[in-house]
Amino acid sequence: MHDTLLINLALLDTGAGRLRAGQCVRIRGGLIVEVGEGLAGAGARVVDLGGRTLMPGLIDCHVHICSDSMTATPAIFPALQAARSGRILRETLMRGFTTVRDAGGADFGYVQAVEDGLFEGPRLFVSGRPISQTGGHIDLRNPADPWPSCSCSEASTLRVVADGVDAVRRACREELRRGAHAIKIMASGGISSPADPIDHVQFSTAEIEAAVDEATRAKRYVLAHAYTDEAIARAVTAGVRSIEHGNFIEDDTARLMAARGAFLVPTLVVYRRIVAHGREVGVSELHLEKAREVLATGTRSLEIAHRAGVKMAFGTDLFRAPKQYQAEELLIRAEVLPAADVLRSATLTSAELLGMAGRLGRVAPGHFADVLAVDGDPLADLGLLQEQGRHIALIMKGGVIHKSHVAGLEAAPTSR
């Protein structure tokens, strides 16, 4: 197998937040093996990037590739959901997102489908079926529904309702058995659920601690849907590693997160887009009302978390909103944060959250060859990462080329 040597490029150093001109990158067997100036090209396929910026692939830590099935009334067939998810995965990769974490709904079969080449898509991490208490965020019964929610794990392919420590433990063990990389719990009310206000604090402390214990012993972690300051503080105190959304966080809780090494995964784009597109995608007026309430907080959570030194990963959560706005989250964060910090959140910090520090998130020896070649400097213009990858000339994942407008590099036959 011949090496590929990329030359004539500006390397985006995500750690330092700057470009390094005149660099070369050697790729062998899906890995980056050498980075530096004037690398020898003997025996390698030498590819001139024409002065483009080479950067690590983007990472989105909060997607839902099975969102259609999770909300469909009437239900849709699993095969149809799989087909739709395959399309979502490919479109996501073509935007430059080479790794994603599904934050509830997708099972390990999707991971295998991508690894086996059946789906063309990003490197995929899954958290299986999200776990909620009765009346919690994924208990989708109307408040007037007289029928009890089934609490057995086998009742749904996309969500689990569990009440009490023993039931939570069993639900976690079942998701871990099914290959989940992390456990997703609902620690507060949410926007899309009909029976719980956003400020509803969910699960007892003992139940959250049970989920953390099960995940930790399996060398995994817990991510928690949590909007309010109280829900965030309870989850972090109980050992939750990743807080999703966190829009109503306050200073003391942000400092607690920083001290505990917990991650925040803001998802601001979804509120803007669900308010703008809610009626066309058929969400309820209650859903829109809740989205407007969260949207009104703006970028306040980013400012508070940044000031406290909280590690912020990148997420979008375009659950019902059109997914083509995924990269817009970069622009929203740049309203209050430097572009270097925004790009770091979508690369290095997200890689650390996923347990992939040293393997993803930067262009450096020993890392997977998950790279993008961009027509310009993203540090100066994050718009270069918008428009469905229009300004991305090369998308490579694990050394496999999925898109190329670069002479001498052709996309793999599976690309279409």
Foldseek 3Di string as FASTA:
>chain_A
DAKEKEFQEWEQFLVVRDTHGQKMWIDDQQFTADMGHPDDQPRHQYFYLNHFYKWFFFEAAEEALQLCQLDDVVHDDPVVSVVSSLVVFLLCLLLRHQEYEYQFFDFCVVQVCCVVLVGPGHNYAYQFHAEFEFLAASNQDAPPDPDGDDQDLPPDRTHHYADDQVSLLVNLVVRVVRPHQEYEYEQAYDQQHRRGARHHGGDDLSNLLSNQVNQVVVVHFYEYEHAAQVSLQSNVVSPHAEYEAPLHHDQVSLLSQQVSLHEYEHALQQLVQCLVCVVVLPGDPSSNVSSVVSCVSQCVRVVSNVVSVHLYAYHHHNSSGDCLCRLVSLVSSVVPDQNSSSLQNRWVSNCVSSVNHQATRTRDRSHGPFMWGFPDDCNVPVCSSHDSNPRTAWTAGSNATQHHPTPSDDHDPSHD
